[in-house]
Amino acid sequence: MLLGLSTSGNSENIVRAFETARRMKLVTVAYAGGTGGKMAEMHAAGTLDFCLTVPTSSIHRIQESHVALYHTTWDLVHSFLENRSVVAA
């Protein structure tokens, strides 16, 4: 899985990382702000699995929301792995 964060959704290094992750067949998740930029376009084109966009131009609100999303995602991954290990045991 690749998780990429960009307040504009246009960070070239993150966009390139998503392109590489797609070739590697990884699940891709983006957190963006504003309109979602290139990341939202990639999601619409089907080259990005998930794009969660915070629809504001306030960088502070975007970053605060990304932190909450990150912690929620982290908790979901931990819960998944914990449940998976219980099933495997």
PDB file of N, CA and C in Angstrom:
ATOM      1  N   MET A   1       0.843  -1.167   0.000  1.00  0.00           N
ATOM      2  CA  MET A   1       0.000   0.000   0.000  1.00  0.00           C
ATOM      3  C   MET A   1       0.890   1.232   0.000  1.00  0.00           C
ATOM      4  N   LEU A   2       0.471   2.210  -0.785  1.00  0.00           N
ATOM      5  CA  LEU A   2       1.149   3.504  -0.750  1.00  0.00           C
ATOM      6  C   LEU A   2       0.128   4.550  -0.325  1.00  0.00           C
ATOM      7  N   LEU A   3       0.497   5.318   0.687  1.00  0.00           N
ATOM      8  CA  LEU A   3      -0.313   6.433   1.156  1.00  0.00           C
ATOM      9  C   LEU A   3       0.462   7.707   0.872  1.00  0.00           C
ATOM     10  N   GLY A   4      -0.134   8.622   0.111  1.00  0.00           N
ATOM     11  CA  GLY A   4       0.519   9.875  -0.220  1.00  0.00           C
ATOM     12  C   GLY A   4      -0.309  11.060   0.226  1.00  0.00           C
ATOM     13  N   LEU A   5       0.350  12.062   0.803  1.00  0.00           N
ATOM     14  CA  LEU A   5      -0.327  13.260   1.283  1.00  0.00           C
ATOM     15  C   LEU A   5       0.179  14.481   0.539  1.00  0.00           C
ATOM     16  N   SER A   6      -0.745  15.333   0.108  1.00  0.00           N
ATOM     17  CA  SER A   6      -0.391  16.573  -0.574  1.00  0.00           C
ATOM     18  C   SER A   6      -1.503  17.587  -0.344  1.00  0.00           C
ATOM     19  N   THR A   7      -1.151  18.754   0.159  1.00  0.00           N
ATOM     20  CA  THR A   7      -2.190  19.758   0.410  1.00  0.00           C
ATOM     21  C   THR A   7      -2.847  20.230  -0.881  1.00  0.00           C
ATOM     22  N   SER A   8      -2.113  20.190  -1.988  1.00  0.00           N
ATOM     23  CA  SER A   8      -2.684  20.632  -3.270  1.00  0.00           C
ATOM     24  C   SER A   8      -3.162  19.468  -4.128  1.00  0.00           C
ATOM     25  N   GLY A   9      -2.600  18.279  -3.888  1.00  0.00           N
ATOM     26  CA  GLY A   9      -2.890  17.137  -4.750  1.00  0.00           C
ATOM     27  C   GLY A   9      -2.038  17.120  -6.003  1.00  0.00           C
ATOM     28  N   ASN A  10      -1.102  18.051  -6.095  1.00  0.00           N
ATOM     29  CA  ASN A  10      -0.287  18.202  -7.303  1.00  0.00           C
ATOM     30  C   ASN A  10       1.203  17.931  -7.101  1.00  0.00           C
ATOM     31  N   SER A  11       1.607  17.447  -5.953  1.00  0.00           N
ATOM     32  CA  SER A  11       3.026  17.235  -5.678  1.00  0.00           C
ATOM     33  C   SER A  11       3.594  16.212  -6.658  1.00  0.00           C
ATOM     34  N   GLU A  12       4.535  16.659  -7.486  1.00  0.00           N
ATOM     35  CA  GLU A  12       5.071  15.807  -8.555  1.00  0.00           C
ATOM     36  C   GLU A  12       5.701  14.528  -8.020  1.00  0.00           C
ATOM     37  N   ASN A  13       6.450  14.623  -6.921  1.00  0.00           N
ATOM     38  CA  ASN A  13       7.098  13.417  -6.391  1.00  0.00           C
ATOM     39  C   ASN A  13       6.072  12.401  -5.900  1.00  0.00           C
ATOM     40  N   ILE A  14       4.972  12.876  -5.333  1.00  0.00           N
ATOM     41  CA  ILE A  14       3.923  11.967  -4.863  1.00  0.00           C
ATOM     42  C   ILE A  14       3.188  11.365  -6.060  1.00  0.00           C
ATOM     43  N   VAL A  15       2.907  12.176  -7.068  1.00  0.00           N
ATOM     44  CA  VAL A  15       2.241  11.686  -8.278  1.00  0.00           C
ATOM     45  C   VAL A  15       3.093  10.591  -8.931  1.00  0.00           C
ATOM     46  N   ARG A  16       4.399  10.819  -9.034  1.00  0.00           N
ATOM     47  CA  ARG A  16       5.293   9.803  -9.614  1.00  0.00           C
ATOM     48  C   ARG A  16       5.319   8.536  -8.757  1.00  0.00           C
ATOM     49  N   ALA A  17       5.292   8.712  -7.444  1.00  0.00           N
ATOM     50  CA  ALA A  17       5.274   7.549  -6.553  1.00  0.00           C
ATOM     51  C   ALA A  17       4.008   6.722  -6.776  1.00  0.00           C
ATOM     52  N   PHE A  18       2.867   7.404  -6.984  1.00  0.00           N
ATOM     53  CA  PHE A  18       1.624   6.681  -7.264  1.00  0.00           C
ATOM     54  C   PHE A  18       1.709   5.938  -8.596  1.00  0.00           C
ATOM     55  N   GLU A  19       2.331   6.533  -9.587  1.00  0.00           N
ATOM     56  CA  GLU A  19       2.492   5.866 -10.882  1.00  0.00           C
ATOM     57  C   GLU A  19       3.338   4.604 -10.728  1.00  0.00           C
ATOM     58  N   THR A  20       4.405   4.691  -9.938  1.00  0.00           N
ATOM     59  CA  THR A  20       5.251   3.528  -9.681  1.00  0.00           C
ATOM     60  C   THR A  20       4.488   2.473  -8.891  1.00  0.00           C
ATOM     61  N   ALA A  21       3.744   2.901  -7.879  1.00  0.00           N
ATOM     62  CA  ALA A  21       2.964   1.972  -7.058  1.00  0.00           C
ATOM     63  C   ALA A  21       1.931   1.231  -7.902  1.00  0.00           C
ATOM     64  N   ARG A  22       1.338   1.909  -8.849  1.00  0.00           N
ATOM     65  CA  ARG A  22       0.348   1.278  -9.727  1.00  0.00           C
ATOM     66  C   ARG A  22       1.015   0.161 -10.530  1.00  0.00           C
ATOM     67  N   ARG A  23       2.209   0.432 -11.058  1.00  0.00           N
ATOM     68  CA  ARG A  23       2.934  -0.598 -11.817  1.00  0.00           C
ATOM     69  C   ARG A  23       3.284  -1.791 -10.925  1.00  0.00           C
ATOM     70  N   MET A  24       3.480  -1.526  -9.633  1.00  0.00           N
ATOM     71  CA  MET A  24       3.807  -2.584  -8.680  1.00  0.00           C
ATOM     72  C   MET A  24       2.557  -3.279  -8.139  1.00  0.00           C
ATOM     73  N   LYS A  25       1.386  -2.817  -8.602  1.00  0.00           N
ATOM     74  CA  LYS A  25       0.091  -3.379  -8.189  1.00  0.00           C
ATOM     75  C   LYS A  25      -0.195  -3.195  -6.696  1.00  0.00           C
ATOM     76  N   LEU A  26       0.262  -2.076  -6.137  1.00  0.00           N
ATOM     77  CA  LEU A  26      -0.038  -1.744  -4.748  1.00  0.00           C
ATOM     78  C   LEU A  26      -1.382  -1.033  -4.665  1.00  0.00           C
ATOM     79  N   VAL A  27      -2.026  -1.132  -3.537  1.00  0.00           N
ATOM     80  CA  VAL A  27      -3.208  -0.318  -3.271  1.00  0.00           C
ATOM     81  C   VAL A  27      -2.712   1.100  -3.044  1.00  0.00           C
ATOM     82  N   THR A  28      -3.396   2.082  -3.640  1.00  0.00           N
ATOM     83  CA  THR A  28      -2.959   3.475  -3.531  1.00  0.00           C
ATOM     84  C   THR A  28      -4.039   4.327  -2.884  1.00  0.00           C
ATOM     85  N   VAL A  29      -3.609   5.119  -1.909  1.00  0.00           N
ATOM     86  CA  VAL A  29      -4.515   5.994  -1.162  1.00  0.00           C
ATOM     87  C   VAL A  29      -3.887   7.389  -1.106  1.00  0.00           C
ATOM     88  N   ALA A  30      -4.662   8.384  -1.509  1.00  0.00           N
ATOM     89  CA  ALA A  30      -4.176   9.765  -1.500  1.00  0.00           C
ATOM     90  C   ALA A  30      -5.024  10.607  -0.562  1.00  0.00           C
ATOM     91  N   TYR A  31      -4.353  11.505   0.137  1.00  0.00           N
ATOM     92  CA  TYR A  31      -5.024  12.551   0.904  1.00  0.00           C
ATOM     93  C   TYR A  31      -4.620  13.850   0.227  1.00  0.00           C
ATOM     94  N   ALA A  32      -5.629  14.605  -0.224  1.00  0.00           N
ATOM     95  CA  ALA A  32      -5.366  15.852  -0.930  1.00  0.00           C
ATOM     96  C   ALA A  32      -6.224  16.962  -0.338  1.00  0.00           C
ATOM     97  N   GLY A  33      -5.982  18.172  -0.816  1.00  0.00           N
ATOM     98  CA  GLY A  33      -6.778  19.313  -0.386  1.00  0.00           C
ATOM     99  C   GLY A  33      -7.288  20.067  -1.596  1.00  0.00           C
ATOM    100  N   GLY A  34      -8.090  21.088  -1.337  1.00  0.00           N
ATOM    101  CA  GLY A  34      -8.626  21.910  -2.422  1.00  0.00           C
ATOM    102  C   GLY A  34      -9.538  21.103  -3.318  1.00  0.00           C
ATOM    103  N   THR A  35      -9.195  21.048  -4.610  1.00  0.00           N
ATOM    104  CA  THR A  35      -9.984  20.270  -5.571  1.00  0.00           C
ATOM    105  C   THR A  35      -9.431  18.860  -5.747  1.00  0.00           C
ATOM    106  N   GLY A  36      -8.308  18.584  -5.134  1.00  0.00           N
ATOM    107  CA  GLY A  36      -7.679  17.270  -5.262  1.00  0.00           C
ATOM    108  C   GLY A  36      -6.598  17.228  -6.311  1.00  0.00           C
ATOM    109  N   GLY A  37      -6.563  18.231  -7.191  1.00  0.00           N
ATOM    110  CA  GLY A  37      -5.508  18.357  -8.190  1.00  0.00           C
ATOM    111  C   GLY A  37      -5.296  17.117  -9.034  1.00  0.00           C
ATOM    112  N   LYS A  38      -4.032  16.838  -9.344  1.00  0.00           N
ATOM    113  CA  LYS A  38      -3.666  15.690 -10.187  1.00  0.00           C
ATOM    114  C   LYS A  38      -4.078  14.367  -9.554  1.00  0.00           C
ATOM    115  N   MET A  39      -4.038  14.324  -8.227  1.00  0.00           N
ATOM    116  CA  MET A  39      -4.419  13.084  -7.553  1.00  0.00           C
ATOM    117  C   MET A  39      -5.897  12.759  -7.798  1.00  0.00           C
ATOM    118  N   ALA A  40      -6.752  13.757  -7.750  1.00  0.00           N
ATOM    119  CA  ALA A  40      -8.173  13.541  -8.041  1.00  0.00           C
ATOM    120  C   ALA A  40      -8.360  13.115  -9.497  1.00  0.00           C
ATOM    121  N   GLU A  41      -7.566  13.692 -10.397  1.00  0.00           N
ATOM    122  CA  GLU A  41      -7.629  13.300 -11.809  1.00  0.00           C
ATOM    123  C   GLU A  41      -7.205  11.838 -11.976  1.00  0.00           C
ATOM    124  N   MET A  42      -6.152  11.440 -11.266  1.00  0.00           N
ATOM    125  CA  MET A  42      -5.698  10.054 -11.336  1.00  0.00           C
ATOM    126  C   MET A  42      -6.775   9.108 -10.811  1.00  0.00           C
ATOM    127  N   HIS A  43      -7.451   9.512  -9.742  1.00  0.00           N
ATOM    128  CA  HIS A  43      -8.522   8.686  -9.186  1.00  0.00           C
ATOM    129  C   HIS A  43      -9.666   8.566 -10.186  1.00  0.00           C
ATOM    130  N   ALA A  44     -10.047   9.669 -10.804  1.00  0.00           N
ATOM    131  CA  ALA A  44     -11.128   9.654 -11.796  1.00  0.00           C
ATOM    132  C   ALA A  44     -10.768   8.771 -12.994  1.00  0.00           C
ATOM    133  N   ALA A  45      -9.478   8.726 -13.325  1.00  0.00           N
ATOM    134  CA  ALA A  45      -9.017   7.916 -14.457  1.00  0.00           C
ATOM    135  C   ALA A  45      -8.823   6.449 -14.076  1.00  0.00           C
ATOM    136  N   GLY A  46      -8.961   6.133 -12.790  1.00  0.00           N
ATOM    137  CA  GLY A  46      -8.806   4.758 -12.343  1.00  0.00           C
ATOM    138  C   GLY A  46      -7.381   4.339 -12.076  1.00  0.00           C
ATOM    139  N   THR A  47      -6.453   5.295 -12.006  1.00  0.00           N
ATOM    140  CA  THR A  47      -5.056   4.955 -11.741  1.00  0.00           C
ATOM    141  C   THR A  47      -4.662   5.200 -10.288  1.00  0.00           C
ATOM    142  N   LEU A  48      -5.634   5.557  -9.467  1.00  0.00           N
ATOM    143  CA  LEU A  48      -5.436   5.754  -8.037  1.00  0.00           C
ATOM    144  C   LEU A  48      -6.667   5.170  -7.360  1.00  0.00           C
ATOM    145  N   ASP A  49      -6.467   4.287  -6.386  1.00  0.00           N
ATOM    146  CA  ASP A  49      -7.605   3.583  -5.793  1.00  0.00           C
ATOM    147  C   ASP A  49      -8.519   4.485  -4.971  1.00  0.00           C
ATOM    148  N   PHE A  50      -7.931   5.303  -4.108  1.00  0.00           N
ATOM    149  CA  PHE A  50      -8.723   6.157  -3.228  1.00  0.00           C
ATOM    150  C   PHE A  50      -8.108   7.547  -3.165  1.00  0.00           C
ATOM    151  N   CYS A  51      -8.935   8.565  -3.232  1.00  0.00           N
ATOM    152  CA  CYS A  51      -8.465   9.941  -3.081  1.00  0.00           C
ATOM    153  C   CYS A  51      -9.424  10.660  -2.141  1.00  0.00           C
ATOM    154  N   LEU A  52      -8.973  10.899  -0.937  1.00  0.00           N
ATOM    155  CA  LEU A  52      -9.769  11.601   0.061  1.00  0.00           C
ATOM    156  C   LEU A  52      -9.347  13.059   0.047  1.00  0.00           C
ATOM    157  N   THR A  53     -10.276  13.922  -0.336  1.00  0.00           N
ATOM    158  CA  THR A  53      -9.966  15.335  -0.536  1.00  0.00           C
ATOM    159  C   THR A  53     -10.659  16.193   0.502  1.00  0.00           C
ATOM    160  N   VAL A  54      -9.897  17.098   1.095  1.00  0.00           N
ATOM    161  CA  VAL A  54     -10.431  18.074   2.040  1.00  0.00           C
ATOM    162  C   VAL A  54     -10.725  19.338   1.231  1.00  0.00           C
ATOM    163  N   PRO A  55     -12.000  19.645   0.993  1.00  0.00           N
ATOM    164  CA  PRO A  55     -12.365  20.714   0.060  1.00  0.00           C
ATOM    165  C   PRO A  55     -12.258  22.127   0.638  1.00  0.00           C
ATOM    166  N   THR A  56     -11.027  22.561   0.859  1.00  0.00           N
ATOM    167  CA  THR A  56     -10.787  23.920   1.341  1.00  0.00           C
ATOM    168  C   THR A  56      -9.429  24.390   0.828  1.00  0.00           C
ATOM    169  N   SER A  57      -9.236  25.684   0.802  1.00  0.00           N
ATOM    170  CA  SER A  57      -7.935  26.227   0.407  1.00  0.00           C
ATOM    171  C   SER A  57      -7.059  26.523   1.629  1.00  0.00           C
ATOM    172  N   SER A  58      -7.595  26.302   2.824  1.00  0.00           N
ATOM    173  CA  SER A  58      -6.842  26.541   4.060  1.00  0.00           C
ATOM    174  C   SER A  58      -5.866  25.398   4.302  1.00  0.00           C
ATOM    175  N   ILE A  59      -4.582  25.691   4.155  1.00  0.00           N
ATOM    176  CA  ILE A  59      -3.562  24.656   4.356  1.00  0.00           C
ATOM    177  C   ILE A  59      -3.640  24.086   5.771  1.00  0.00           C
ATOM    178  N   HIS A  60      -3.927  24.932   6.753  1.00  0.00           N
ATOM    179  CA  HIS A  60      -4.028  24.453   8.134  1.00  0.00           C
ATOM    180  C   HIS A  60      -5.155  23.437   8.285  1.00  0.00           C
ATOM    181  N   ARG A  61      -6.329  23.728   7.722  1.00  0.00           N
ATOM    182  CA  ARG A  61      -7.463  22.796   7.825  1.00  0.00           C
ATOM    183  C   ARG A  61      -7.155  21.499   7.088  1.00  0.00           C
ATOM    184  N   ILE A  62      -6.505  21.606   5.929  1.00  0.00           N
ATOM    185  CA  ILE A  62      -6.151  20.417   5.155  1.00  0.00           C
ATOM    186  C   ILE A  62      -5.213  19.532   5.975  1.00  0.00           C
ATOM    187  N   GLN A  63      -4.159  20.139   6.511  1.00  0.00           N
ATOM    188  CA  GLN A  63      -3.184  19.361   7.271  1.00  0.00           C
ATOM    189  C   GLN A  63      -3.793  18.765   8.534  1.00  0.00           C
ATOM    190  N   GLU A  64      -4.648  19.506   9.218  1.00  0.00           N
ATOM    191  CA  GLU A  64      -5.322  18.970  10.403  1.00  0.00           C
ATOM    192  C   GLU A  64      -6.204  17.783  10.039  1.00  0.00           C
ATOM    193  N   SER A  65      -6.901  17.894   8.922  1.00  0.00           N
ATOM    194  CA  SER A  65      -7.766  16.803   8.471  1.00  0.00           C
ATOM    195  C   SER A  65      -6.941  15.597   8.048  1.00  0.00           C
ATOM    196  N   HIS A  66      -5.809  15.849   7.393  1.00  0.00           N
ATOM    197  CA  HIS A  66      -4.945  14.744   6.986  1.00  0.00           C
ATOM    198  C   HIS A  66      -4.433  13.976   8.199  1.00  0.00           C
ATOM    199  N   VAL A  67      -4.120  14.672   9.269  1.00  0.00           N
ATOM    200  CA  VAL A  67      -3.658  13.999  10.490  1.00  0.00           C
ATOM    201  C   VAL A  67      -4.763  13.085  11.022  1.00  0.00           C
ATOM    202  N   ALA A  68      -5.993  13.584  11.064  1.00  0.00           N
ATOM    203  CA  ALA A  68      -7.112  12.756  11.542  1.00  0.00           C
ATOM    204  C   ALA A  68      -7.318  11.554  10.623  1.00  0.00           C
ATOM    205  N   LEU A  69      -7.245  11.772   9.306  1.00  0.00           N
ATOM    206  CA  LEU A  69      -7.396  10.669   8.351  1.00  0.00           C
ATOM    207  C   LEU A  69      -6.273   9.651   8.511  1.00  0.00           C
ATOM    208  N   TYR A  70      -5.060  10.142   8.693  1.00  0.00           N
ATOM    209  CA  TYR A  70      -3.904   9.259   8.866  1.00  0.00           C
ATOM    210  C   TYR A  70      -4.091   8.363  10.083  1.00  0.00           C
ATOM    211  N   HIS A  71      -4.508   8.939  11.197  1.00  0.00           N
ATOM    212  CA  HIS A  71      -4.691   8.156  12.413  1.00  0.00           C
ATOM    213  C   HIS A  71      -5.831   7.151  12.252  1.00  0.00           C
ATOM    214  N   THR A  72      -6.876   7.536  11.560  1.00  0.00           N
ATOM    215  CA  THR A  72      -7.983   6.618  11.309  1.00  0.00           C
ATOM    216  C   THR A  72      -7.526   5.460  10.422  1.00  0.00           C
ATOM    217  N   THR A  73      -6.788   5.780   9.374  1.00  0.00           N
ATOM    218  CA  THR A  73      -6.267   4.737   8.481  1.00  0.00           C
ATOM    219  C   THR A  73      -5.344   3.802   9.243  1.00  0.00           C
ATOM    220  N   TRP A  74      -4.455   4.366  10.041  1.00  0.00           N
ATOM    221  CA  TRP A  74      -3.517   3.576  10.847  1.00  0.00           C
ATOM    222  C   TRP A  74      -4.276   2.607  11.753  1.00  0.00           C
ATOM    223  N   ASP A  75      -5.339   3.094  12.402  1.00  0.00           N
ATOM    224  CA  ASP A  75      -6.132   2.256  13.286  1.00  0.00           C
ATOM    225  C   ASP A  75      -6.822   1.139  12.501  1.00  0.00           C
ATOM    226  N   LEU A  76      -7.348   1.465  11.319  1.00  0.00           N
ATOM    227  CA  LEU A  76      -8.008   0.447  10.495  1.00  0.00           C
ATOM    228  C   LEU A  76      -7.023  -0.638  10.058  1.00  0.00           C
ATOM    229  N   VAL A  77      -5.816  -0.246   9.681  1.00  0.00           N
ATOM    230  CA  VAL A  77      -4.804  -1.220   9.273  1.00  0.00           C
ATOM    231  C   VAL A  77      -4.439  -2.112  10.458  1.00  0.00           C
ATOM    232  N   HIS A  78      -4.259  -1.527  11.619  1.00  0.00           N
ATOM    233  CA  HIS A  78      -3.945  -2.322  12.808  1.00  0.00           C
ATOM    234  C   HIS A  78      -5.064  -3.298  13.128  1.00  0.00           C
ATOM    235  N   SER A  79      -6.303  -2.838  13.058  1.00  0.00           N
ATOM    236  CA  SER A  79      -7.446  -3.722  13.323  1.00  0.00           C
ATOM    237  C   SER A  79      -7.496  -4.858  12.310  1.00  0.00           C
ATOM    238  N   PHE A  80      -7.263  -4.541  11.055  1.00  0.00           N
ATOM    239  CA  PHE A  80      -7.254  -5.565  10.006  1.00  0.00           C
ATOM    240  C   PHE A  80      -6.173  -6.610  10.283  1.00  0.00           C
ATOM    241  N   LEU A  81      -4.968  -6.149  10.575  1.00  0.00           N
ATOM    242  CA  LEU A  81      -3.868  -7.083  10.823  1.00  0.00           C
ATOM    243  C   LEU A  81      -4.103  -7.913  12.072  1.00  0.00           C
ATOM    244  N   GLU A  82      -4.666  -7.300  13.096  1.00  0.00           N
ATOM    245  CA  GLU A  82      -4.961  -8.043  14.320  1.00  0.00           C
ATOM    246  C   GLU A  82      -5.996  -9.131  14.061  1.00  0.00           C
ATOM    247  N   ASN A  83      -7.050  -8.787  13.345  1.00  0.00           N
ATOM    248  CA  ASN A  83      -8.095  -9.760  13.038  1.00  0.00           C
ATOM    249  C   ASN A  83      -7.581 -10.841  12.093  1.00  0.00           C
ATOM    250  N   ARG A  84      -6.711 -10.468  11.197  1.00  0.00           N
ATOM    251  CA  ARG A  84      -6.149 -11.427  10.252  1.00  0.00           C
ATOM    252  C   ARG A  84      -5.284 -12.448  10.984  1.00  0.00           C
ATOM    253  N   SER A  85      -4.517 -12.004  11.976  1.00  0.00           N
ATOM    254  CA  SER A  85      -3.658 -12.934  12.711  1.00  0.00           C
ATOM    255  C   SER A  85      -4.494 -13.866  13.592  1.00  0.00           C
ATOM    256  N   VAL A  86      -5.649 -13.408  14.079  1.00  0.00           N
ATOM    257  CA  VAL A  86      -6.534 -14.251  14.867  1.00  0.00           C
ATOM    258  C   VAL A  86      -7.116 -15.331  13.978  1.00  0.00           C
ATOM    259  N   VAL A  87      -7.511 -14.989  12.760  1.00  0.00           N
ATOM    260  CA  VAL A  87      -8.079 -15.951  11.826  1.00  0.00           C
ATOM    261  C   VAL A  87      -7.038 -16.982  11.411  1.00  0.00           C
ATOM    262  N   ALA A  88      -5.783 -16.531  11.229  1.00  0.00           N
ATOM    263  CA  ALA A  88      -4.716 -17.426  10.797  1.00  0.00           C
ATOM    264  C   ALA A  88      -4.275 -18.382  11.899  1.00  0.00           C
ATOM    265  N   ALA A  89      -4.529 -18.046  13.132  1.00  0.00           N
ATOM    266  CA  ALA A  89      -4.054 -18.864  14.261  1.00  0.00           C
ATOM    267  C   ALA A  89      -4.871 -20.080  14.484  1.00  0.00           C
TER     268      ALA A  89
END
